[in-house]
PDB file of all heavy atoms in Angstrom:
ATOM      1  N   GLY A   1    -101.424 240.369 -61.134  1.00  0.00           N
ATOM      2  CA  GLY A   1    -100.225 240.844 -61.819  1.00  0.00           C
ATOM      3  C   GLY A   1    -100.618 241.501 -63.128  1.00  0.00           C
ATOM      4  O   GLY A   1    -101.755 241.427 -63.588  1.00  0.00           O
ATOM      5  N   TRP A   2     -99.645 242.130 -63.788  1.00  0.00           N
ATOM      6  CA  TRP A   2     -99.895 242.821 -65.054  1.00  0.00           C
ATOM      7  C   TRP A   2     -99.539 241.848 -66.172  1.00  0.00           C
ATOM      8  O   TRP A   2     -98.415 241.860 -66.715  1.00  0.00           O
ATOM      9  CB  TRP A   2     -99.091 244.119 -65.117  1.00  0.00           C
ATOM     10  CG  TRP A   2     -99.555 245.152 -64.125  1.00  0.00           C
ATOM     11  CD1 TRP A   2     -99.501 245.094 -62.774  1.00  0.00           C
ATOM     12  CD2 TRP A   2    -100.192 246.390 -64.439  1.00  0.00           C
ATOM     13  NE1 TRP A   2    -100.041 246.210 -62.212  1.00  0.00           N
ATOM     14  CE2 TRP A   2    -100.462 247.027 -63.198  1.00  0.00           C
ATOM     15  CE3 TRP A   2    -100.549 247.033 -65.624  1.00  0.00           C
ATOM     16  CZ2 TRP A   2    -101.101 248.258 -63.131  1.00  0.00           C
ATOM     17  CZ3 TRP A   2    -101.159 248.282 -65.550  1.00  0.00           C
ATOM     18  CH2 TRP A   2    -101.439 248.880 -64.328  1.00  0.00           C
ATOM     19  N   ALA A   3    -100.494 241.004 -66.539  1.00  0.00           N
ATOM     20  CA  ALA A   3    -100.226 239.881 -67.439  1.00  0.00           C
ATOM     21  C   ALA A   3    -100.052 240.327 -68.891  1.00  0.00           C
ATOM     22  O   ALA A   3    -100.884 241.051 -69.447  1.00  0.00           O
ATOM     23  CB  ALA A   3    -101.368 238.866 -67.362  1.00  0.00           C
ATOM     24  N   LEU A   4     -98.938 239.890 -69.480  1.00  0.00           N
ATOM     25  CA  LEU A   4     -98.684 240.148 -70.899  1.00  0.00           C
ATOM     26  C   LEU A   4     -98.512 238.872 -71.719  1.00  0.00           C
ATOM     27  O   LEU A   4     -98.590 238.902 -72.953  1.00  0.00           O
ATOM     28  CB  LEU A   4     -97.400 240.981 -71.037  1.00  0.00           C
ATOM     29  CG  LEU A   4     -97.503 242.489 -70.781  1.00  0.00           C
ATOM     30  CD1 LEU A   4     -96.144 243.145 -70.814  1.00  0.00           C
ATOM     31  CD2 LEU A   4     -98.425 243.139 -71.830  1.00  0.00           C
ATOM     32  N   ALA A   5     -98.270 237.744 -71.070  1.00  0.00           N
ATOM     33  CA  ALA A   5     -98.043 236.493 -71.805  1.00  0.00           C
ATOM     34  C   ALA A   5     -98.495 235.342 -70.946  1.00  0.00           C
ATOM     35  O   ALA A   5     -98.475 235.412 -69.707  1.00  0.00           O
ATOM     36  CB  ALA A   5     -96.587 236.322 -72.184  1.00  0.00           C
ATOM     37  N   ALA A   6     -98.911 234.255 -71.610  1.00  0.00           N
ATOM     38  CA  ALA A   6     -99.314 233.042 -70.900  1.00  0.00           C
ATOM     39  C   ALA A   6     -99.042 231.842 -71.773  1.00  0.00           C
ATOM     40  O   ALA A   6     -99.305 231.868 -72.976  1.00  0.00           O
ATOM     41  CB  ALA A   6    -100.798 233.115 -70.513  1.00  0.00           C
ATOM     42  N   GLY A   7     -98.525 230.777 -71.162  1.00  0.00           N
ATOM     43  CA  GLY A   7     -98.263 229.539 -71.895  1.00  0.00           C
ATOM     44  C   GLY A   7     -98.738 228.357 -71.081  1.00  0.00           C
ATOM     45  O   GLY A   7     -98.483 228.281 -69.870  1.00  0.00           O
ATOM     46  N   ALA A   8     -99.435 227.423 -71.741  1.00  0.00           N
ATOM     47  CA  ALA A   8     -99.940 226.219 -71.084  1.00  0.00           C
ATOM     48  C   ALA A   8     -99.267 225.006 -71.690  1.00  0.00           C
ATOM     49  O   ALA A   8     -99.152 224.885 -72.916  1.00  0.00           O
ATOM     50  CB  ALA A   8    -101.451 226.121 -71.235  1.00  0.00           C
ATOM     51  N   ASN A   9     -98.802 224.093 -70.819  1.00  0.00           N
ATOM     52  CA  ASN A   9     -98.180 222.844 -71.298  1.00  0.00           C
ATOM     53  C   ASN A   9     -98.027 221.905 -70.134  1.00  0.00           C
ATOM     54  O   ASN A   9     -97.703 222.292 -69.010  1.00  0.00           O
ATOM     55  CB  ASN A   9     -96.800 223.147 -71.899  1.00  0.00           C
ATOM     56  CG  ASN A   9     -96.162 221.934 -72.536  1.00  0.00           C
ATOM     57  OD1 ASN A   9     -96.858 221.017 -72.969  1.00  0.00           O
ATOM     58  ND2 ASN A   9     -94.854 221.914 -72.585  1.00  0.00           N
ATOM     59  N   ASP A  10     -98.241 220.636 -70.406  1.00  0.00           N
ATOM     60  CA  ASP A  10     -98.039 219.593 -69.394  1.00  0.00           C
ATOM     61  C   ASP A  10     -96.544 219.284 -69.307  1.00  0.00           C
ATOM     62  O   ASP A  10     -95.980 218.692 -70.218  1.00  0.00           O
ATOM     63  CB  ASP A  10     -98.827 218.336 -69.775  1.00  0.00           C
ATOM     64  CG  ASP A  10     -98.457 217.129 -68.929  1.00  0.00           C
ATOM     65  OD1 ASP A  10     -98.067 217.323 -67.764  1.00  0.00           O
ATOM     66  OD2 ASP A  10     -98.563 216.005 -69.442  1.00  0.00           O
ATOM     67  N   VAL A  11     -95.915 219.687 -68.223  1.00  0.00           N
ATOM     68  CA  VAL A  11     -94.470 219.481 -68.102  1.00  0.00           C
ATOM     69  C   VAL A  11     -94.087 218.252 -67.263  1.00  0.00           C
ATOM     70  O   VAL A  11     -92.936 217.840 -67.313  1.00  0.00           O
ATOM     71  CB  VAL A  11     -93.768 220.742 -67.496  1.00  0.00           C
ATOM     72  CG1 VAL A  11     -94.004 221.951 -68.358  1.00  0.00           C
ATOM     73  CG2 VAL A  11     -94.249 220.995 -66.070  1.00  0.00           C
ATOM     74  N   ASP A  12     -95.058 217.658 -66.555  1.00  0.00           N
ATOM     75  CA  ASP A  12     -94.695 216.532 -65.695  1.00  0.00           C
ATOM     76  C   ASP A  12     -95.340 215.208 -66.086  1.00  0.00           C
ATOM     77  O   ASP A  12     -95.178 214.202 -65.395  1.00  0.00           O
ATOM     78  CB  ASP A  12     -95.041 216.843 -64.233  1.00  0.00           C
ATOM     79  CG  ASP A  12     -96.540 216.892 -63.969  1.00  0.00           C
ATOM     80  OD1 ASP A  12     -97.329 217.020 -64.933  1.00  0.00           O
ATOM     81  OD2 ASP A  12     -96.930 216.765 -62.805  1.00  0.00           O
ATOM     82  N   GLY A  13     -96.052 215.199 -67.232  1.00  0.00           N
ATOM     83  CA  GLY A  13     -96.509 213.936 -67.787  1.00  0.00           C
ATOM     84  C   GLY A  13     -97.854 213.415 -67.313  1.00  0.00           C
ATOM     85  O   GLY A  13     -98.198 212.259 -67.641  1.00  0.00           O
ATOM     86  N   ASP A  14     -98.635 214.201 -66.572  1.00  0.00           N
ATOM     87  CA  ASP A  14     -99.945 213.747 -66.133  1.00  0.00           C
ATOM     88  C   ASP A  14    -101.088 214.207 -67.018  1.00  0.00           C
ATOM     89  O   ASP A  14    -102.260 213.957 -66.712  1.00  0.00           O
ATOM     90  CB  ASP A  14    -100.202 214.146 -64.674  1.00  0.00           C
ATOM     91  CG  ASP A  14    -100.240 215.659 -64.488  1.00  0.00           C
ATOM     92  OD1 ASP A  14    -100.075 216.403 -65.474  1.00  0.00           O
ATOM     93  OD2 ASP A  14    -100.433 216.112 -63.337  1.00  0.00           O
ATOM     94  N   LEU A  15    -100.771 214.890 -68.117  1.00  0.00           N
ATOM     95  CA  LEU A  15    -101.741 215.421 -69.062  1.00  0.00           C
ATOM     96  C   LEU A  15    -102.675 216.455 -68.431  1.00  0.00           C
ATOM     97  O   LEU A  15    -103.783 216.672 -68.917  1.00  0.00           O
ATOM     98  CB  LEU A  15    -102.540 214.294 -69.731  1.00  0.00           C
ATOM     99  CG  LEU A  15    -101.731 213.477 -70.740  1.00  0.00           C
ATOM    100  CD1 LEU A  15    -102.630 212.426 -71.416  1.00  0.00           C
ATOM    101  CD2 LEU A  15    -101.064 214.340 -71.803  1.00  0.00           C
ATOM    102  N   LEU A  16    -102.232 217.081 -67.361  1.00  0.00           N
ATOM    103  CA  LEU A  16    -102.859 218.283 -66.840  1.00  0.00           C
ATOM    104  C   LEU A  16    -101.898 219.429 -67.083  1.00  0.00           C
ATOM    105  O   LEU A  16    -100.779 219.436 -66.554  1.00  0.00           O
ATOM    106  CB  LEU A  16    -103.153 218.169 -65.339  1.00  0.00           C
ATOM    107  CG  LEU A  16    -104.291 217.217 -64.934  1.00  0.00           C
ATOM    108  CD1 LEU A  16    -104.330 217.072 -63.406  1.00  0.00           C
ATOM    109  CD2 LEU A  16    -105.629 217.726 -65.444  1.00  0.00           C
ATOM    110  N   PRO A  17    -102.281 220.416 -67.911  1.00  0.00           N
ATOM    111  CA  PRO A  17    -101.296 221.435 -68.308  1.00  0.00           C
ATOM    112  C   PRO A  17    -100.975 222.402 -67.169  1.00  0.00           C
ATOM    113  O   PRO A  17    -101.872 222.917 -66.489  1.00  0.00           O
ATOM    114  CB  PRO A  17    -102.005 222.167 -69.452  1.00  0.00           C
ATOM    115  CG  PRO A  17    -103.467 221.971 -69.178  1.00  0.00           C
ATOM    116  CD  PRO A  17    -103.567 220.597 -68.569  1.00  0.00           C
ATOM    117  N   GLU A  18     -99.677 222.632 -66.986  1.00  0.00           N
ATOM    118  CA  GLU A  18     -99.236 223.729 -66.131  1.00  0.00           C
ATOM    119  C   GLU A  18     -99.442 225.042 -66.875  1.00  0.00           C
ATOM    120  O   GLU A  18     -99.651 225.069 -68.087  1.00  0.00           O
ATOM    121  CB  GLU A  18     -97.767 223.535 -65.722  1.00  0.00           C
ATOM    122  CG  GLU A  18     -97.550 222.605 -64.569  1.00  0.00           C
ATOM    123  CD  GLU A  18     -98.000 221.160 -64.855  1.00  0.00           C
ATOM    124  OE1 GLU A  18     -97.532 220.566 -65.848  1.00  0.00           O
ATOM    125  OE2 GLU A  18     -98.857 220.663 -64.084  1.00  0.00           O
ATOM    126  N   LEU A  19     -99.341 226.141 -66.126  1.00  0.00           N
ATOM    127  CA  LEU A  19     -99.569 227.457 -66.722  1.00  0.00           C
ATOM    128  C   LEU A  19     -98.468 228.407 -66.267  1.00  0.00           C
ATOM    129  O   LEU A  19     -98.219 228.562 -65.074  1.00  0.00           O
ATOM    130  CB  LEU A  19    -100.926 228.014 -66.292  1.00  0.00           C
ATOM    131  CG  LEU A  19    -101.327 229.387 -66.805  1.00  0.00           C
ATOM    132  CD1 LEU A  19    -101.509 229.365 -68.327  1.00  0.00           C
ATOM    133  CD2 LEU A  19    -102.616 229.865 -66.131  1.00  0.00           C
ATOM    134  N   TYR A  20     -97.784 229.006 -67.233  1.00  0.00           N
ATOM    135  CA  TYR A  20     -96.788 230.052 -66.951  1.00  0.00           C
ATOM    136  C   TYR A  20     -97.386 231.388 -67.362  1.00  0.00           C
ATOM    137  O   TYR A  20     -97.797 231.561 -68.499  1.00  0.00           O
ATOM    138  CB  TYR A  20     -95.483 229.803 -67.710  1.00  0.00           C
ATOM    139  CG  TYR A  20     -94.333 230.714 -67.277  1.00  0.00           C
ATOM    140  CD1 TYR A  20     -93.290 230.220 -66.504  1.00  0.00           C
ATOM    141  CD2 TYR A  20     -94.287 232.056 -67.641  1.00  0.00           C
ATOM    142  CE1 TYR A  20     -92.246 231.029 -66.106  1.00  0.00           C
ATOM    143  CE2 TYR A  20     -93.249 232.871 -67.244  1.00  0.00           C
ATOM    144  CZ  TYR A  20     -92.235 232.370 -66.466  1.00  0.00           C
ATOM    145  OH  TYR A  20     -91.183 233.169 -66.065  1.00  0.00           O
ATOM    146  N   VAL A  21     -97.432 232.345 -66.416  1.00  0.00           N
ATOM    147  CA  VAL A  21     -97.978 233.671 -66.699  1.00  0.00           C
ATOM    148  C   VAL A  21     -96.826 234.680 -66.621  1.00  0.00           C
ATOM    149  O   VAL A  21     -96.167 234.792 -65.580  1.00  0.00           O
ATOM    150  CB  VAL A  21     -99.077 234.061 -65.700  1.00  0.00           C
ATOM    151  CG1 VAL A  21     -99.653 235.430 -66.035  1.00  0.00           C
ATOM    152  CG2 VAL A  21    -100.195 233.018 -65.700  1.00  0.00           C
ATOM    153  N   GLY A  22     -96.587 235.365 -67.731  1.00  0.00           N
ATOM    154  CA  GLY A  22     -95.548 236.385 -67.780  1.00  0.00           C
ATOM    155  C   GLY A  22     -96.144 237.731 -67.395  1.00  0.00           C
ATOM    156  O   GLY A  22     -97.040 238.230 -68.084  1.00  0.00           O
ATOM    157  N   ASN A  23     -95.653 238.314 -66.305  1.00  0.00           N
ATOM    158  CA  ASN A  23     -96.203 239.571 -65.789  1.00  0.00           C
ATOM    159  C   ASN A  23     -95.202 240.717 -65.969  1.00  0.00           C
ATOM    160  O   ASN A  23     -94.021 240.569 -65.725  1.00  0.00           O
ATOM    161  CB  ASN A  23     -96.518 239.438 -64.300  1.00  0.00           C
ATOM    162  CG  ASN A  23     -97.735 238.577 -64.046  1.00  0.00           C
ATOM    163  OD1 ASN A  23     -98.735 238.675 -64.742  1.00  0.00           O
ATOM    164  ND2 ASN A  23     -97.648 237.726 -63.016  1.00  0.00           N
ATOM    165  N   ASP A  24     -95.707 241.839 -66.385  1.00  0.00           N
ATOM    166  CA  ASP A  24     -94.963 243.080 -66.394  1.00  0.00           C
ATOM    167  C   ASP A  24     -94.864 243.580 -64.956  1.00  0.00           C
ATOM    168  O   ASP A  24     -95.756 243.315 -64.130  1.00  0.00           O
ATOM    169  CB  ASP A  24     -95.695 244.098 -67.256  1.00  0.00           C
ATOM    170  CG  ASP A  24     -94.792 245.169 -67.833  1.00  0.00           C
ATOM    171  OD1 ASP A  24     -93.611 245.200 -67.475  1.00  0.00           O
ATOM    172  OD2 ASP A  24     -95.285 245.991 -68.649  1.00  0.00           O
ATOM    173  N   PHE A  25     -93.799 244.292 -64.610  1.00  0.00           N
ATOM    174  CA  PHE A  25     -93.637 245.012 -63.345  1.00  0.00           C
ATOM    175  C   PHE A  25     -93.693 244.093 -62.107  1.00  0.00           C
ATOM    176  O   PHE A  25     -94.062 244.551 -61.033  1.00  0.00           O
ATOM    177  CB  PHE A  25     -94.744 246.074 -63.193  1.00  0.00           C
ATOM    178  CG  PHE A  25     -94.898 246.993 -64.348  1.00  0.00           C
ATOM    179  CD1 PHE A  25     -96.103 247.099 -65.030  1.00  0.00           C
ATOM    180  CD2 PHE A  25     -93.815 247.733 -64.808  1.00  0.00           C
ATOM    181  CE1 PHE A  25     -96.246 247.967 -66.112  1.00  0.00           C
ATOM    182  CE2 PHE A  25     -93.946 248.600 -65.886  1.00  0.00           C
ATOM    183  CZ  PHE A  25     -95.153 248.703 -66.543  1.00  0.00           C
ATOM    184  N   GLY A  26     -93.390 242.831 -62.267  1.00  0.00           N
ATOM    185  CA  GLY A  26     -93.419 241.960 -61.092  1.00  0.00           C
ATOM    186  C   GLY A  26     -93.155 240.519 -61.439  1.00  0.00           C
ATOM    187  O   GLY A  26     -92.898 240.173 -62.598  1.00  0.00           O
ATOM    188  N   PRO A  27     -93.209 239.637 -60.460  1.00  0.00           N
ATOM    189  CA  PRO A  27     -92.816 238.243 -60.695  1.00  0.00           C
ATOM    190  C   PRO A  27     -93.750 237.522 -61.643  1.00  0.00           C
ATOM    191  O   PRO A  27     -94.968 237.649 -61.566  1.00  0.00           O
ATOM    192  CB  PRO A  27     -92.872 237.641 -59.287  1.00  0.00           C
ATOM    193  CG  PRO A  27     -93.817 238.492 -58.528  1.00  0.00           C
ATOM    194  CD  PRO A  27     -93.625 239.877 -59.055  1.00  0.00           C
ATOM    195  N   ASP A  28     -93.142 236.765 -62.570  1.00  0.00           N
ATOM    196  CA  ASP A  28     -93.922 235.812 -63.339  1.00  0.00           C
ATOM    197  C   ASP A  28     -94.405 234.722 -62.398  1.00  0.00           C
ATOM    198  O   ASP A  28     -93.889 234.541 -61.291  1.00  0.00           O
ATOM    199  CB  ASP A  28     -93.069 235.201 -64.448  1.00  0.00           C
ATOM    200  CG  ASP A  28     -92.600 236.209 -65.505  1.00  0.00           C
ATOM    201  OD1 ASP A  28     -93.145 237.337 -65.486  1.00  0.00           O
ATOM    202  OD2 ASP A  28     -91.715 235.857 -66.281  1.00  0.00           O
ATOM    203  N   ARG A  29     -95.375 233.918 -62.877  1.00  0.00           N
ATOM    204  CA  ARG A  29     -95.904 232.842 -62.047  1.00  0.00           C
ATOM    205  C   ARG A  29     -95.920 231.545 -62.820  1.00  0.00           C
ATOM    206  O   ARG A  29     -96.417 231.504 -63.963  1.00  0.00           O
ATOM    207  CB  ARG A  29     -97.329 233.152 -61.598  1.00  0.00           C
ATOM    208  CG  ARG A  29     -97.469 234.469 -60.810  1.00  0.00           C
ATOM    209  CD  ARG A  29     -96.752 234.410 -59.472  1.00  0.00           C
ATOM    210  NE  ARG A  29     -97.073 235.594 -58.652  1.00  0.00           N
ATOM    211  CZ  ARG A  29     -96.641 235.796 -57.416  1.00  0.00           C
ATOM    212  NH1 ARG A  29     -95.865 234.877 -56.853  1.00  0.00           N
ATOM    213  NH2 ARG A  29     -96.992 236.891 -56.747  1.00  0.00           N
ATOM    214  N   LEU A  30     -95.358 230.477 -62.232  1.00  0.00           N
ATOM    215  CA  LEU A  30     -95.518 229.131 -62.756  1.00  0.00           C
ATOM    216  C   LEU A  30     -96.496 228.405 -61.869  1.00  0.00           C
ATOM    217  O   LEU A  30     -96.280 228.288 -60.645  1.00  0.00           O
ATOM    218  CB  LEU A  30     -94.180 228.393 -62.802  1.00  0.00           C
ATOM    219  CG  LEU A  30     -94.255 226.948 -63.328  1.00  0.00           C
ATOM    220  CD1 LEU A  30     -94.818 226.903 -64.741  1.00  0.00           C
ATOM    221  CD2 LEU A  30     -92.878 226.281 -63.273  1.00  0.00           C
ATOM    222  N   LEU A  31     -97.589 227.975 -62.449  1.00  0.00           N
ATOM    223  CA  LEU A  31     -98.701 227.368 -61.717  1.00  0.00           C
ATOM    224  C   LEU A  31     -98.769 225.878 -61.989  1.00  0.00           C
ATOM    225  O   LEU A  31     -98.928 225.454 -63.132  1.00  0.00           O
ATOM    226  CB  LEU A  31    -100.023 228.054 -62.085  1.00  0.00           C
ATOM    227  CG  LEU A  31    -100.040 229.591 -61.916  1.00  0.00           C
ATOM    228  CD1 LEU A  31    -101.335 230.168 -62.441  1.00  0.00           C
ATOM    229  CD2 LEU A  31     -99.838 229.975 -60.458  1.00  0.00           C
ATOM    230  N   TYR A  32     -98.633 225.085 -60.946  1.00  0.00           N
ATOM    231  CA  TYR A  32     -98.646 223.621 -61.045  1.00  0.00           C
ATOM    232  C   TYR A  32    -100.091 223.158 -60.973  1.00  0.00           C
ATOM    233  O   TYR A  32    -100.843 223.509 -60.061  1.00  0.00           O
ATOM    234  CB  TYR A  32     -97.809 222.994 -59.946  1.00  0.00           C
ATOM    235  CG  TYR A  32     -97.786 221.493 -59.979  1.00  0.00           C
ATOM    236  CD1 TYR A  32     -97.391 220.811 -61.131  1.00  0.00           C
ATOM    237  CD2 TYR A  32     -98.156 220.740 -58.864  1.00  0.00           C
ATOM    238  CE1 TYR A  32     -97.361 219.424 -61.165  1.00  0.00           C
ATOM    239  CE2 TYR A  32     -98.127 219.365 -58.887  1.00  0.00           C
ATOM    240  CZ  TYR A  32     -97.728 218.712 -60.040  1.00  0.00           C
ATOM    241  OH  TYR A  32     -97.712 217.331 -60.090  1.00  0.00           O
ATOM    242  N   ASN A  33    -100.500 222.335 -61.934  1.00  0.00           N
ATOM    243  CA  ASN A  33    -101.900 221.951 -62.063  1.00  0.00           C
ATOM    244  C   ASN A  33    -102.257 220.828 -61.098  1.00  0.00           C
ATOM    245  O   ASN A  33    -101.673 219.754 -61.143  1.00  0.00           O
ATOM    246  CB  ASN A  33    -102.170 221.502 -63.517  1.00  0.00           C
ATOM    247  CG  ASN A  33    -103.641 221.545 -63.867  1.00  0.00           C
ATOM    248  OD1 ASN A  33    -104.504 221.312 -63.001  1.00  0.00           O
ATOM    249  ND2 ASN A  33    -103.956 221.843 -65.107  1.00  0.00           N
TER     250      ASN A  33
END
């Protein structure tokens, strides 16, 4: 994808950070760790 932004944070409490990638021209991606 055409990545312009990325954010890492543990959203489910296991202290493994998930990753959200903001893409231009297409779907963003939320990646479960």
